[in-house]
Amino acid sequence: MSNDSDIAAWRAGRLAYLTADDGWLNITDRLEVSPGEWRVGRAADNDLVISAGPAHLGRLVLAGDGTAQFVPQGGSVALPFLPVADASPQLRTGGLILEVSALEGAHALRVRDCDPANRAAFPGLRYFPCDPAWRITAVWEALEQPQAFQIGMVNGIATQVTLTHRASFRHGGHDYGLLPTHVKSGKPMFVIRDLTSRSETYGASRFLYGEDIAADTIVLDFNKAFNPPCAFTDHAICPLPPRENILPFRIEAGELKPVG
């Protein structure tokens, strides 16, 4: 069951993740790029003009296979973008974190400014009161075979995922089945929306990881439902919930809309 200490620890970890150097509060730019060599910096004579860092940061070299390198201004050695678990490859240079992301074959350079002042004014996160009734043990049902499935993104692009399971549970006398469309840190992730959206919670969606997965059960602790990155920045592109995950009732648990 959800308890105060478990939820307090989860919330502390959630805040630490969000406010980290590579969190979602300090992204300054997202610029689409194609294979080639691009001059990057704040000055107007760059190919990719960014909002933070030096006037001339260096050169981004993007290969046709999506691998990237960066040559700092005044240098001659190309630095690789390093892999990051559950994230796009990153590189730290000039007080910034550069990240080359890919979506349906299109690439973009995302820039994070590591100056702590960018996060100093963050008012924190707000939540519904913890309610153990919203920690639900659902049936974890494997599909007969993996299914290709298209989901929408907030920028209007559809992306393809592979479905392998369904989490089924009963609420208010009705049966519901949620589809896990992503896997993060080895856990199935559900993109959901409910009747609290647009009023108390973020309108597009919230995310939820499945827990305590057994052969035929999975725990859905809606007290740990949280806002997607696009709730905090315009420079993130987040998935929208599939029709099955738009629930016709209120889930008064988990993270509320960000302040402001």
Protein backbone atom coordinates (compact mmCIF):
# COMPACT_ATOMS: atom_id res chain seq x y z
CA MET A 1 0.00 0.00 0.00
CA SER A 2 1.03 3.60 -0.51
CA ASN A 3 2.36 5.11 2.71
CA ASP A 4 3.56 8.56 3.64
CA SER A 5 7.27 7.68 3.77
CA ASP A 6 7.20 5.87 0.41
CA ILE A 7 5.40 8.75 -1.27
CA ALA A 8 7.66 11.35 0.39
CA ALA A 9 10.75 9.54 -0.93
CA TRP A 10 9.24 9.26 -4.41
CA ARG A 11 8.36 12.97 -4.45
CA ALA A 12 11.88 13.93 -3.31
CA GLY A 13 13.36 11.85 -6.12
CA ARG A 14 10.95 13.35 -8.61
CA LEU A 15 11.96 16.90 -7.62
CA ALA A 16 15.67 16.04 -7.74
CA TYR A 17 15.27 14.58 -11.23
CA LEU A 18 13.35 17.58 -12.50
CA THR A 19 15.77 20.18 -11.09
CA ALA A 20 19.01 18.39 -12.07
CA ASP A 21 21.39 19.88 -14.64
CA ASP A 22 19.88 17.56 -17.25
CA GLY A 23 16.32 18.02 -15.98
CA TRP A 24 13.52 19.84 -17.76
CA LEU A 25 13.64 23.28 -16.15
CA ASN A 26 16.68 24.76 -17.87
CA ILE A 27 16.17 23.95 -21.56
CA THR A 28 16.77 27.07 -23.62
CA ASP A 29 16.49 25.82 -27.20
CA ARG A 30 15.40 23.02 -29.49
CA LEU A 31 16.60 23.39 -33.09
CA GLU A 32 15.97 20.93 -35.90
CA VAL A 33 19.11 19.70 -37.65
CA SER A 34 19.96 17.44 -40.59
CA PRO A 35 23.19 15.53 -41.30
CA GLY A 36 26.10 17.88 -41.87
CA GLU A 37 28.29 20.38 -40.01
CA TRP A 38 26.69 23.24 -38.09
CA ARG A 39 28.25 26.23 -36.33
CA VAL A 40 26.59 26.69 -32.93
CA GLY A 41 26.55 29.72 -30.66
CA ARG A 42 24.67 32.79 -29.47
CA ALA A 43 25.94 35.14 -32.21
CA ALA A 44 23.76 35.73 -35.25
CA ASP A 45 26.40 34.47 -37.68
CA ASN A 46 26.06 30.88 -36.47
CA ASP A 47 24.11 28.24 -38.38
CA LEU A 48 22.30 27.31 -35.17
CA VAL A 49 21.70 30.38 -33.00
CA ILE A 50 21.08 29.44 -29.37
CA SER A 51 19.90 31.50 -26.39
CA ALA A 52 22.67 30.73 -23.89
CA GLY A 53 26.42 30.22 -23.74
CA PRO A 54 29.21 31.95 -25.65
CA ALA A 55 28.86 33.79 -28.94
CA HIS A 56 30.64 30.95 -30.76
CA LEU A 57 30.41 27.60 -28.98
CA GLY A 58 31.77 25.30 -31.69
CA ARG A 59 30.71 22.98 -34.52
CA LEU A 60 28.13 20.20 -34.37
CA VAL A 61 28.85 17.34 -36.78
CA LEU A 62 25.85 15.07 -37.38
CA ALA A 63 26.34 11.89 -39.39
CA GLY A 64 23.71 10.31 -41.58
CA ASP A 65 23.15 7.53 -39.04
CA GLY A 66 22.31 10.06 -36.32
CA THR A 67 25.59 9.85 -34.40
CA ALA A 68 26.97 13.24 -33.42
CA GLN A 69 30.26 14.85 -32.46
CA PHE A 70 31.14 18.37 -31.34
CA VAL A 71 34.28 20.42 -31.94
CA PRO A 72 34.58 23.25 -29.37
CA GLN A 73 35.43 26.72 -30.67
CA GLY A 74 39.19 27.05 -31.17
CA GLY A 75 39.74 23.30 -30.84
CA SER A 76 40.44 20.57 -33.36
CA VAL A 77 39.43 17.41 -31.50
CA ALA A 78 35.87 16.18 -32.02
CA LEU A 79 34.15 15.19 -28.77
CA PRO A 80 31.54 12.41 -28.83
CA PHE A 81 28.04 12.68 -27.48
CA LEU A 82 27.84 10.12 -24.68
CA PRO A 83 24.94 7.70 -24.20
CA VAL A 84 22.55 8.35 -21.31
CA ALA A 85 20.10 5.81 -19.93
CA ASP A 86 16.53 6.50 -21.12
CA ALA A 87 17.63 9.75 -22.78
CA SER A 88 19.32 11.06 -25.90
CA PRO A 89 23.14 11.23 -26.12
CA GLN A 90 24.61 14.28 -24.36
CA LEU A 91 27.72 16.44 -24.28
CA ARG A 92 28.75 19.06 -21.70
CA THR A 93 30.63 22.10 -23.01
CA GLY A 94 30.77 25.83 -22.28
CA GLY A 95 28.46 25.56 -19.25
CA LEU A 96 25.79 23.89 -21.42
CA ILE A 97 24.49 20.41 -21.99
CA LEU A 98 23.93 19.63 -25.66
CA GLU A 99 21.65 16.77 -26.60
CA VAL A 100 20.87 15.36 -30.03
CA SER A 101 17.40 13.81 -30.05
CA ALA A 102 15.64 11.80 -32.76
CA LEU A 103 11.95 11.41 -33.53
CA GLU A 104 10.73 9.42 -36.52
CA GLY A 105 14.00 9.98 -38.34
CA ALA A 106 14.18 13.74 -37.68
CA HIS A 107 16.92 15.11 -35.43
CA ALA A 108 17.08 18.12 -33.15
CA LEU A 109 19.68 19.82 -30.99
CA ARG A 110 18.44 20.54 -27.47
CA VAL A 111 20.37 22.93 -25.24
CA ARG A 112 20.36 23.09 -21.44
CA ASP A 113 21.96 25.95 -19.49
CA CYS A 114 23.56 24.51 -16.34
CA ASP A 115 23.54 27.85 -14.46
CA PRO A 116 21.65 27.07 -11.19
CA ALA A 117 19.99 30.50 -11.38
CA ASN A 118 17.73 29.09 -14.07
CA ARG A 119 16.06 26.88 -11.47
CA ALA A 120 16.25 29.15 -8.43
CA ALA A 121 12.74 30.54 -8.92
CA PHE A 122 11.05 27.17 -9.43
CA PRO A 123 8.14 27.05 -6.94
CA GLY A 124 8.21 23.28 -6.54
CA LEU A 125 5.65 20.58 -7.27
CA ARG A 126 2.09 20.23 -6.00
CA TYR A 127 0.13 17.04 -5.41
CA PHE A 128 -3.24 15.68 -4.45
CA PRO A 129 -3.18 14.23 -0.93
CA CYS A 130 -1.84 10.69 -0.90
CA ASP A 131 -4.73 8.19 -1.06
CA PRO A 132 -3.96 4.46 -0.64
CA ALA A 133 -7.17 3.64 -2.51
CA TRP A 134 -5.49 4.84 -5.71
CA ARG A 135 -2.80 2.15 -5.47
CA ILE A 136 -4.44 -0.52 -7.61
CA THR A 137 -3.34 -4.05 -8.37
CA ALA A 138 -4.31 -4.64 -11.99
CA VAL A 139 -4.32 -7.74 -14.17
CA TRP A 140 -1.16 -7.80 -16.29
CA GLU A 141 -2.22 -9.45 -19.52
CA ALA A 142 0.27 -10.36 -22.26
CA LEU A 143 -1.06 -9.83 -25.77
CA GLU A 144 -1.15 -12.86 -28.03
CA GLN A 145 1.58 -11.23 -30.12
CA PRO A 146 3.32 -7.83 -30.08
CA GLN A 147 1.33 -5.18 -31.90
CA ALA A 148 2.62 -2.15 -33.81
CA PHE A 149 0.68 0.89 -32.66
CA GLN A 150 0.74 4.57 -33.60
CA ILE A 151 0.42 7.28 -30.98
CA GLY A 152 0.17 11.03 -31.46
CA MET A 153 2.69 13.55 -30.19
CA VAL A 154 2.05 17.11 -29.03
CA ASN A 155 3.66 18.48 -32.21
CA GLY A 156 1.19 16.62 -34.43
CA ILE A 157 3.59 13.88 -35.53
CA ALA A 158 2.58 10.25 -35.05
CA THR A 159 5.20 7.81 -33.81
CA GLN A 160 5.11 4.02 -33.81
CA VAL A 161 5.51 1.92 -30.68
CA THR A 162 5.16 -1.78 -29.95
CA LEU A 163 2.53 -3.02 -27.50
CA THR A 164 3.08 -6.26 -25.58
CA HIS A 165 0.71 -6.05 -22.56
CA ARG A 166 -2.45 -4.53 -21.17
CA ALA A 167 -3.17 -3.59 -17.54
CA SER A 168 -6.82 -4.23 -16.69
CA PHE A 169 -8.63 -3.08 -13.56
CA ARG A 170 -12.12 -2.35 -12.29
CA HIS A 171 -13.30 1.06 -11.08
CA GLY A 172 -16.79 2.25 -10.21
CA GLY A 173 -18.35 -0.97 -11.47
CA HIS A 174 -16.68 -0.77 -14.90
CA ASP A 175 -13.68 -2.49 -16.46
CA TYR A 176 -10.80 -0.51 -17.95
CA GLY A 177 -7.63 -1.49 -19.77
CA LEU A 178 -4.55 0.72 -19.96
CA LEU A 179 -1.91 0.30 -22.67
CA PRO A 180 1.76 0.77 -21.75
CA THR A 181 3.19 2.52 -24.80
CA HIS A 182 6.76 3.06 -23.57
CA VAL A 183 9.39 1.42 -21.35
CA LYS A 184 11.57 3.60 -19.11
CA SER A 185 14.24 2.27 -16.74
CA GLY A 186 12.91 -1.20 -17.43
CA LYS A 187 9.39 -0.28 -16.31
CA PRO A 188 6.27 -0.06 -18.50
CA MET A 189 5.05 3.53 -18.80
CA PHE A 190 1.43 4.55 -19.28
CA VAL A 191 0.40 7.89 -20.80
CA ILE A 192 -2.98 8.73 -19.25
CA ARG A 193 -5.61 11.44 -19.11
CA ASP A 194 -8.68 11.70 -16.84
CA LEU A 195 -11.40 14.15 -15.88
CA THR A 196 -9.08 16.22 -13.70
CA SER A 197 -7.15 17.27 -16.83
CA ARG A 198 -7.18 20.98 -17.74
CA SER A 199 -8.57 21.94 -14.35
CA GLU A 200 -6.38 20.38 -11.65
CA THR A 201 -3.89 18.35 -13.72
CA TYR A 202 -1.96 18.97 -16.92
CA GLY A 203 -4.29 18.95 -19.90
CA ALA A 204 -2.35 16.82 -22.38
CA SER A 205 -1.49 13.86 -20.17
CA ARG A 206 0.28 12.49 -17.15
CA PHE A 207 2.75 9.61 -17.02
CA LEU A 208 2.66 6.58 -14.73
CA TYR A 209 5.12 3.71 -14.28
CA GLY A 210 3.92 0.23 -13.46
CA GLU A 211 5.35 -1.29 -10.27
CA ASP A 212 5.72 -4.69 -8.56
CA ILE A 213 5.22 -6.60 -11.80
CA ALA A 214 4.46 -10.29 -11.44
CA ALA A 215 3.50 -12.92 -14.00
CA ASP A 216 -0.11 -11.76 -14.16
CA THR A 217 -0.40 -8.64 -11.99
CA ILE A 218 0.98 -5.11 -11.97
CA VAL A 219 0.58 -2.27 -9.47
CA LEU A 220 -0.71 1.08 -10.74
CA ASP A 221 -0.04 3.64 -8.00
CA PHE A 222 -1.79 6.75 -9.29
CA ASN A 223 -0.32 8.67 -6.34
CA LYS A 224 2.85 8.61 -8.46
CA ALA A 225 1.25 9.92 -11.67
CA PHE A 226 3.41 12.81 -12.84
CA ASN A 227 3.53 15.58 -15.42
CA PRO A 228 5.31 15.04 -18.75
CA PRO A 229 8.29 17.23 -19.72
CA CYS A 230 6.11 19.39 -21.98
CA ALA A 231 4.30 20.64 -18.88
CA PHE A 232 7.51 22.50 -17.98
CA THR A 233 9.03 23.54 -21.32
CA ASP A 234 8.01 24.25 -24.89
CA HIS A 235 11.22 22.53 -26.03
CA ALA A 236 10.02 19.00 -25.24
CA ILE A 237 7.85 16.79 -27.46
CA CYS A 238 5.68 14.40 -25.49
CA PRO A 239 3.37 11.54 -26.42
CA LEU A 240 -0.39 11.86 -26.12
CA PRO A 241 -2.49 9.13 -24.54
CA PRO A 242 -4.06 6.49 -26.77
CA ARG A 243 -7.84 6.40 -26.73
CA GLU A 244 -7.85 3.47 -24.28
CA ASN A 245 -5.91 5.53 -21.73
CA ILE A 246 -8.33 8.47 -21.65
CA LEU A 247 -10.33 7.62 -18.54
CA PRO A 248 -13.90 8.90 -18.01
CA PHE A 249 -13.53 9.51 -14.28
CA ARG A 250 -11.51 11.68 -11.90
CA ILE A 251 -8.16 10.45 -10.60
CA GLU A 252 -7.63 12.68 -7.60
CA ALA A 253 -4.09 11.44 -7.00
CA GLY A 254 -0.61 12.31 -8.13
CA GLU A 255 0.95 15.48 -9.47
CA LEU A 256 -1.06 18.64 -10.11
CA LYS A 257 -0.47 21.20 -12.86
CA PRO A 258 2.71 23.25 -12.46
CA VAL A 259 2.21 26.66 -10.88
CA GLY A 260 2.10 29.28 -13.61
